[in-house]
């Protein structure tokens, strides 16, 4: 009887797990429909990114830029890399 009880509890646990997965998926879909995508909010918006790129291109030190927006130097480098990747993608599309 112990083995039967074990298998019953395992079946209930699996059933409950599947219900949780379905509810979580439905919740994510509903949130996306409302314009919510989850994750951490971006520190800088598109205007800030354009200004950041201009400052960087004009030779402003990364430390100064980071202090201006109150973010770490790593964050500035991450955004600059994103901008470079986007520019590379655009150049790839133009050449194709």
C-alpha atoms as a PDB file:
ATOM      1  CA  UNK A   1       0.000   0.000   0.000  1.00  0.00           C
ATOM      2  CA  UNK A   2       2.960   2.343   0.547  1.00  0.00           C
ATOM      3  CA  UNK A   3       3.987   2.029  -3.082  1.00  0.00           C
ATOM      4  CA  UNK A   4       0.439   2.724  -4.306  1.00  0.00           C
ATOM      5  CA  UNK A   5       0.236   5.812  -2.108  1.00  0.00           C
ATOM      6  CA  UNK A   6       3.604   7.001  -3.397  1.00  0.00           C
ATOM      7  CA  UNK A   7       2.455   6.685  -7.023  1.00  0.00           C
ATOM      8  CA  UNK A   8      -0.811   8.486  -6.268  1.00  0.00           C
ATOM      9  CA  UNK A   9       1.040  11.424  -4.712  1.00  0.00           C
ATOM     10  CA  UNK A  10       3.471  11.479  -7.639  1.00  0.00           C
ATOM     11  CA  UNK A  11       0.552  11.601 -10.096  1.00  0.00           C
ATOM     12  CA  UNK A  12      -1.101  14.437  -8.164  1.00  0.00           C
ATOM     13  CA  UNK A  13       2.185  16.344  -8.018  1.00  0.00           C
ATOM     14  CA  UNK A  14       2.687  15.985 -11.769  1.00  0.00           C
ATOM     15  CA  UNK A  15      -0.899  17.088 -12.432  1.00  0.00           C
ATOM     16  CA  UNK A  16      -0.472  20.141 -10.180  1.00  0.00           C
ATOM     17  CA  UNK A  17       2.834  20.986 -11.868  1.00  0.00           C
ATOM     18  CA  UNK A  18       1.149  20.944 -15.276  1.00  0.00           C
ATOM     19  CA  UNK A  19      -1.623  23.218 -13.982  1.00  0.00           C
ATOM     20  CA  UNK A  20       0.959  25.678 -12.652  1.00  0.00           C
ATOM     21  CA  UNK A  21       2.775  25.694 -16.004  1.00  0.00           C
ATOM     22  CA  UNK A  22      -0.481  26.342 -17.878  1.00  0.00           C
ATOM     23  CA  UNK A  23      -1.465  29.180 -15.534  1.00  0.00           C
ATOM     24  CA  UNK A  24       1.981  30.752 -15.737  1.00  0.00           C
ATOM     25  CA  UNK A  25       1.930  30.606 -19.525  1.00  0.00           C
ATOM     26  CA  UNK A  26      -1.561  32.118 -19.655  1.00  0.00           C
ATOM     27  CA  UNK A  27      -0.438  34.885 -17.302  1.00  0.00           C
ATOM     28  CA  UNK A  28       2.573  35.744 -19.489  1.00  0.00           C
ATOM     29  CA  UNK A  29       0.370  35.830 -22.600  1.00  0.00           C
ATOM     30  CA  UNK A  30      -2.165  38.092 -20.861  1.00  0.00           C
ATOM     31  CA  UNK A  31       0.625  40.392 -19.649  1.00  0.00           C
ATOM     32  CA  UNK A  32       2.076  40.671 -23.164  1.00  0.00           C
ATOM     33  CA  UNK A  33      -1.384  41.565 -24.462  1.00  0.00           C
ATOM     34  CA  UNK A  34      -1.389  44.433 -21.939  1.00  0.00           C
ATOM     35  CA  UNK A  35       2.053  45.555 -23.113  1.00  0.00           C
ATOM     36  CA  UNK A  36       4.060  44.086 -20.228  1.00  0.00           C
ATOM     37  CA  UNK A  37       7.070  41.940 -21.016  1.00  0.00           C
ATOM     38  CA  UNK A  38       8.767  41.399 -17.666  1.00  0.00           C
ATOM     39  CA  UNK A  39      12.408  41.697 -16.851  1.00  0.00           C
ATOM     40  CA  UNK A  40      14.306  44.599 -15.433  1.00  0.00           C
ATOM     41  CA  UNK A  41      13.455  48.059 -16.830  1.00  0.00           C
ATOM     42  CA  UNK A  42      16.067  49.728 -19.028  1.00  0.00           C
ATOM     43  CA  UNK A  43      18.132  52.449 -17.330  1.00  0.00           C
ATOM     44  CA  UNK A  44      18.393  54.641 -20.424  1.00  0.00           C
ATOM     45  CA  UNK A  45      15.811  55.525 -23.071  1.00  0.00           C
ATOM     46  CA  UNK A  46      16.434  56.115 -26.801  1.00  0.00           C
ATOM     47  CA  UNK A  47      17.086  59.839 -26.330  1.00  0.00           C
ATOM     48  CA  UNK A  48      19.663  59.076 -23.652  1.00  0.00           C
ATOM     49  CA  UNK A  49      21.296  56.492 -25.928  1.00  0.00           C
ATOM     50  CA  UNK A  50      21.662  58.994 -28.760  1.00  0.00           C
ATOM     51  CA  UNK A  51      23.202  61.542 -26.395  1.00  0.00           C
ATOM     52  CA  UNK A  52      25.447  58.876 -24.875  1.00  0.00           C
ATOM     53  CA  UNK A  53      26.720  57.904 -28.334  1.00  0.00           C
ATOM     54  CA  UNK A  54      27.356  61.558 -29.219  1.00  0.00           C
ATOM     55  CA  UNK A  55      29.273  62.177 -25.995  1.00  0.00           C
ATOM     56  CA  UNK A  56      31.321  59.011 -26.486  1.00  0.00           C
ATOM     57  CA  UNK A  57      32.105  59.876 -30.119  1.00  0.00           C
ATOM     58  CA  UNK A  58      33.230  63.355 -29.011  1.00  0.00           C
ATOM     59  CA  UNK A  59      35.755  61.816 -26.606  1.00  0.00           C
ATOM     60  CA  UNK A  60      33.976  62.251 -23.273  1.00  0.00           C
ATOM     61  CA  UNK A  61      35.415  59.749 -20.755  1.00  0.00           C
ATOM     62  CA  UNK A  62      33.193  56.781 -19.886  1.00  0.00           C
ATOM     63  CA  UNK A  63      33.520  57.598 -16.188  1.00  0.00           C
ATOM     64  CA  UNK A  64      32.072  61.086 -16.759  1.00  0.00           C
ATOM     65  CA  UNK A  65      29.199  59.719 -18.847  1.00  0.00           C
ATOM     66  CA  UNK A  66      28.433  57.102 -16.183  1.00  0.00           C
ATOM     67  CA  UNK A  67      28.399  59.715 -13.425  1.00  0.00           C
ATOM     68  CA  UNK A  68      26.083  61.933 -15.478  1.00  0.00           C
ATOM     69  CA  UNK A  69      23.405  59.201 -15.651  1.00  0.00           C
ATOM     70  CA  UNK A  70      24.264  57.679 -12.270  1.00  0.00           C
ATOM     71  CA  UNK A  71      24.982  54.242 -13.702  1.00  0.00           C
ATOM     72  CA  UNK A  72      28.093  52.083 -13.685  1.00  0.00           C
ATOM     73  CA  UNK A  73      30.763  52.163 -16.382  1.00  0.00           C
ATOM     74  CA  UNK A  74      29.793  48.587 -17.212  1.00  0.00           C
ATOM     75  CA  UNK A  75      26.257  49.740 -18.009  1.00  0.00           C
ATOM     76  CA  UNK A  76      27.615  52.390 -20.385  1.00  0.00           C
ATOM     77  CA  UNK A  77      29.820  49.838 -22.146  1.00  0.00           C
ATOM     78  CA  UNK A  78      26.868  47.440 -22.429  1.00  0.00           C
ATOM     79  CA  UNK A  79      24.717  50.107 -24.083  1.00  0.00           C
ATOM     80  CA  UNK A  80      27.548  51.120 -26.424  1.00  0.00           C
ATOM     81  CA  UNK A  81      27.961  47.487 -27.471  1.00  0.00           C
ATOM     82  CA  UNK A  82      24.213  47.249 -28.136  1.00  0.00           C
ATOM     83  CA  UNK A  83      24.389  50.363 -30.310  1.00  0.00           C
ATOM     84  CA  UNK A  84      27.345  48.948 -32.253  1.00  0.00           C
ATOM     85  CA  UNK A  85      25.504  45.661 -32.793  1.00  0.00           C
ATOM     86  CA  UNK A  86      22.459  47.520 -34.131  1.00  0.00           C
ATOM     87  CA  UNK A  87      24.662  49.558 -36.480  1.00  0.00           C
ATOM     88  CA  UNK A  88      26.345  46.363 -37.706  1.00  0.00           C
ATOM     89  CA  UNK A  89      22.938  44.783 -38.377  1.00  0.00           C
ATOM     90  CA  UNK A  90      21.818  47.838 -40.348  1.00  0.00           C
ATOM     91  CA  UNK A  91      25.011  47.783 -42.417  1.00  0.00           C
ATOM     92  CA  UNK A  92      24.498  44.063 -43.059  1.00  0.00           C
ATOM     93  CA  UNK A  93      20.959  44.708 -44.298  1.00  0.00           C
ATOM     94  CA  UNK A  94      22.122  47.502 -46.605  1.00  0.00           C
ATOM     95  CA  UNK A  95      24.881  45.388 -48.164  1.00  0.00           C
ATOM     96  CA  UNK A  96      22.571  42.411 -48.816  1.00  0.00           C
END
